Amino acid sequence: MERILLVDDEPMILKALVRLLQRTPCLCDGRLFKLEMVTFTDPVKALDYARENQISLVISDYRMPGMDGVNLLTSIKTLQPNASRIIISGYADLNALIEAINRANIYRFIAKPWNDYELTSTVGQALRHRQLMLENQLLADQRRVALGKLSGNDLMLKRLELEEPGITNVNWGPDGSVILDDEE
């Protein structure tokens, strides 16, 4: 199951995206992707969610109050570099598009109103691209283990971090205990 994070400050846009992605199969190279969608109207809350949960794809609006789509996707890229990123926008701002490509490494820019076929095929292509990247990373890591440049433990830690972001980042106390909440 591929988890898609949808972020737009307009709830009706989110509902339209969910409805489209639920009823239309996302295919690429003959592969059908099963989707789980999580929606947020607040980009800061979406970022908090991305800190704790594995995401395959983020589709974000460009213009939102509090944080624009480029900043959101750049932050998510830092947290989850393997998550694909797409920006949708009703504004054809060339400078914003260039910034999104350069800073957030977006997979694609889709204009609002979108074409349903274009959007669903782009989602399928983005998910397939992500799968291929992950397969390439796994093969490269297996080769590094074979050459002795990466230990088996390090490979296992990388896989755990990929499945559950943040799981390998443990906050240790001065006495060797694990600190569960930074606020105390």
Protein backbone atom coordinates (compact mmCIF):
# COMPACT_ATOMS: atom_id res chain seq x y z
CA MET A 1 0.00 0.00 0.00
CA GLU A 2 1.38 3.39 -1.01
CA ARG A 3 0.66 6.28 1.35
CA ILE A 4 -0.03 9.59 -0.37
CA LEU A 5 0.04 12.83 1.58
CA LEU A 6 -2.30 15.44 0.04
CA VAL A 7 -1.86 19.04 1.21
CA ASP A 8 -4.03 21.96 0.12
CA ASP A 9 -5.59 24.79 2.09
CA GLU A 10 -8.87 24.28 0.22
CA PRO A 11 -10.83 21.29 1.65
CA MET A 12 -12.87 20.90 -1.56
CA ILE A 13 -9.67 20.41 -3.60
CA LEU A 14 -8.59 17.69 -1.16
CA LYS A 15 -11.98 15.98 -1.47
CA ALA A 16 -11.76 16.10 -5.27
CA LEU A 17 -8.25 14.61 -5.21
CA VAL A 18 -9.28 11.81 -2.85
CA ARG A 19 -12.39 11.04 -4.89
CA LEU A 20 -10.38 10.92 -8.13
CA LEU A 21 -7.61 8.74 -6.72
CA GLN A 22 -10.09 6.36 -5.06
CA ARG A 23 -12.11 5.73 -8.20
CA THR A 24 -9.36 5.79 -10.84
CA PRO A 25 -6.63 3.14 -10.87
CA CYS A 26 -3.07 4.45 -10.81
CA LEU A 27 -1.12 2.29 -13.23
CA CYS A 28 2.44 2.35 -14.53
CA ASP A 29 4.30 -0.41 -16.39
CA GLY A 30 1.35 -2.72 -15.81
CA ARG A 31 1.52 -2.25 -12.04
CA LEU A 32 -1.58 -1.23 -10.13
CA PHE A 33 -0.87 0.80 -7.02
CA LYS A 34 -3.13 0.50 -3.98
CA LEU A 35 -3.37 3.90 -2.33
CA GLU A 36 -3.91 5.15 1.19
CA MET A 37 -4.52 8.89 1.26
CA VAL A 38 -3.92 11.25 4.16
CA THR A 39 -5.10 14.86 3.80
CA PHE A 40 -4.13 18.10 5.50
CA THR A 41 -5.27 21.69 5.02
CA ASP A 42 -2.42 22.91 7.23
CA PRO A 43 1.10 22.38 5.81
CA VAL A 44 2.69 22.54 9.28
CA LYS A 45 0.50 19.66 10.49
CA ALA A 46 1.34 17.75 7.29
CA LEU A 47 5.03 18.22 8.05
CA ASP A 48 4.50 16.94 11.60
CA TYR A 49 2.77 13.87 10.14
CA ALA A 50 5.71 13.29 7.77
CA ARG A 51 8.10 13.28 10.72
CA GLU A 52 6.34 10.22 12.17
CA ASN A 53 4.96 8.30 9.18
CA GLN A 54 6.33 6.74 6.01
CA ILE A 55 5.14 8.51 2.86
CA SER A 56 5.47 7.36 -0.74
CA LEU A 57 4.23 10.54 -2.44
CA VAL A 58 3.35 14.10 -1.48
CA ILE A 59 1.01 16.20 -3.60
CA SER A 60 0.97 19.78 -2.41
CA ASP A 61 -0.59 23.03 -3.47
CA TYR A 62 1.91 25.79 -4.11
CA ARG A 63 0.18 28.74 -2.41
CA MET A 64 -0.96 28.09 1.15
CA PRO A 65 -1.02 30.24 4.28
CA GLY A 66 1.75 29.61 6.79
CA MET A 67 4.06 27.70 4.45
CA ASP A 68 4.16 27.47 0.68
CA GLY A 69 4.39 24.18 -1.18
CA VAL A 70 8.07 24.56 -2.05
CA ASN A 71 9.07 25.00 1.60
CA LEU A 72 6.85 22.08 2.62
CA LEU A 73 8.26 19.76 -0.04
CA THR A 74 11.83 20.86 0.69
CA SER A 75 11.32 20.00 4.37
CA ILE A 76 9.74 16.65 3.50
CA LYS A 77 12.63 15.95 1.13
CA THR A 78 14.98 16.36 4.10
CA LEU A 79 12.87 14.06 6.28
CA GLN A 80 12.03 11.47 3.62
CA PRO A 81 14.29 11.83 0.59
CA ASN A 82 12.71 8.82 -1.13
CA ALA A 83 9.19 10.26 -1.13
CA SER A 84 8.14 11.53 -4.56
CA ARG A 85 6.94 15.14 -4.66
CA ILE A 86 4.36 16.82 -6.91
CA ILE A 87 3.15 20.43 -6.85
CA ILE A 88 -0.28 21.47 -8.08
CA SER A 89 -1.10 25.12 -8.54
CA GLY A 90 -3.58 27.44 -10.18
CA TYR A 91 -0.81 30.00 -10.65
CA ALA A 92 1.59 29.66 -13.55
CA ASP A 93 4.52 31.33 -11.81
CA LEU A 94 7.66 30.33 -13.69
CA ASN A 95 9.98 31.45 -10.89
CA ALA A 96 8.04 29.36 -8.36
CA LEU A 97 8.24 26.36 -10.65
CA ILE A 98 12.00 26.75 -11.07
CA GLU A 99 12.41 27.10 -7.31
CA ALA A 100 10.33 23.96 -6.73
CA ILE A 101 12.44 21.99 -9.16
CA ASN A 102 15.74 23.24 -7.78
CA ARG A 103 15.01 23.17 -4.03
CA ALA A 104 12.45 20.42 -3.57
CA ASN A 105 13.35 18.22 -6.57
CA ILE A 106 9.70 17.86 -7.48
CA TYR A 107 8.77 15.02 -9.79
CA ARG A 108 6.19 17.04 -11.67
CA PHE A 109 4.22 20.30 -11.68
CA ILE A 110 0.49 19.99 -12.45
CA ALA A 111 -1.66 23.01 -13.21
CA LYS A 112 -5.10 23.53 -11.67
CA PRO A 113 -7.63 22.69 -12.92
CA TRP A 114 -5.96 19.38 -13.66
CA ASN A 115 -6.77 16.79 -16.27
CA ASP A 116 -7.88 13.63 -14.43
CA TYR A 117 -5.96 11.28 -16.71
CA GLU A 118 -2.80 13.38 -16.47
CA LEU A 119 -2.99 13.49 -12.68
CA THR A 120 -3.63 9.77 -12.16
CA SER A 121 -1.00 8.72 -14.69
CA THR A 122 1.49 11.11 -13.08
CA VAL A 123 0.77 9.58 -9.67
CA GLY A 124 1.37 6.09 -11.11
CA GLN A 125 4.59 7.22 -12.80
CA ALA A 126 5.85 8.95 -9.65
CA LEU A 127 5.18 5.85 -7.54
CA ARG A 128 6.88 3.60 -10.11
CA HIS A 129 9.86 5.97 -10.26
CA ARG A 130 10.12 5.79 -6.47
CA GLN A 131 10.04 1.98 -6.55
CA LEU A 132 12.84 1.90 -9.11
CA MET A 133 14.94 4.30 -7.03
CA LEU A 134 14.46 2.13 -3.94
CA GLU A 135 15.37 -1.02 -5.87
CA ASN A 136 18.53 0.67 -7.18
CA GLN A 137 19.48 1.77 -3.67
CA LEU A 138 18.98 -1.76 -2.35
CA LEU A 139 21.15 -3.26 -5.10
CA ALA A 140 23.85 -0.63 -4.52
CA ASP A 141 23.77 -1.30 -0.76
CA GLN A 142 23.99 -5.05 -1.31
CA ARG A 143 27.02 -4.46 -3.51
CA ARG A 144 28.59 -2.25 -0.83
CA VAL A 145 28.07 -5.04 1.74
CA ALA A 146 29.68 -7.55 -0.65
CA LEU A 147 32.68 -5.23 -1.10
CA GLY A 148 32.96 -4.64 2.65
CA LYS A 149 32.18 -0.93 2.36
CA LEU A 150 28.93 -1.28 4.34
CA SER A 151 28.21 -3.58 7.25
CA GLY A 152 25.16 -5.80 7.43
CA ASN A 153 24.04 -3.88 10.54
CA ASP A 154 24.24 -0.56 8.70
CA LEU A 155 22.21 -2.02 5.84
CA MET A 156 19.56 -3.23 8.31
CA LEU A 157 19.45 0.24 9.95
CA LYS A 158 18.94 1.86 6.54
CA ARG A 159 16.05 -0.51 5.78
CA LEU A 160 14.44 0.17 9.18
CA GLU A 161 14.75 3.92 8.68
CA LEU A 162 13.18 3.60 5.24
CA GLU A 163 10.21 1.67 6.63
CA GLU A 164 9.76 3.82 9.76
CA PRO A 165 11.35 7.27 9.49
CA GLY A 166 13.03 8.40 12.68
CA ILE A 167 13.17 4.95 14.28
CA THR A 168 16.97 4.93 14.32
CA ASN A 169 17.21 8.39 15.91
CA VAL A 170 17.17 7.66 19.62
CA ASN A 171 17.36 10.49 22.14
CA TRP A 172 19.62 9.20 24.94
CA GLY A 173 19.70 10.70 28.41
CA PRO A 174 22.97 11.39 30.27
CA ASP A 175 22.43 8.24 32.36
CA GLY A 176 21.95 6.01 29.31
CA SER A 177 18.16 6.01 29.44
CA VAL A 178 15.95 6.68 26.42
CA ILE A 179 14.18 10.05 26.53
CA LEU A 180 10.72 9.66 25.05
CA ASP A 181 9.52 13.26 25.29
CA ASP A 182 11.83 16.22 24.70
CA GLU A 183 9.55 18.57 26.69
CA GLU A 184 10.36 17.06 30.07
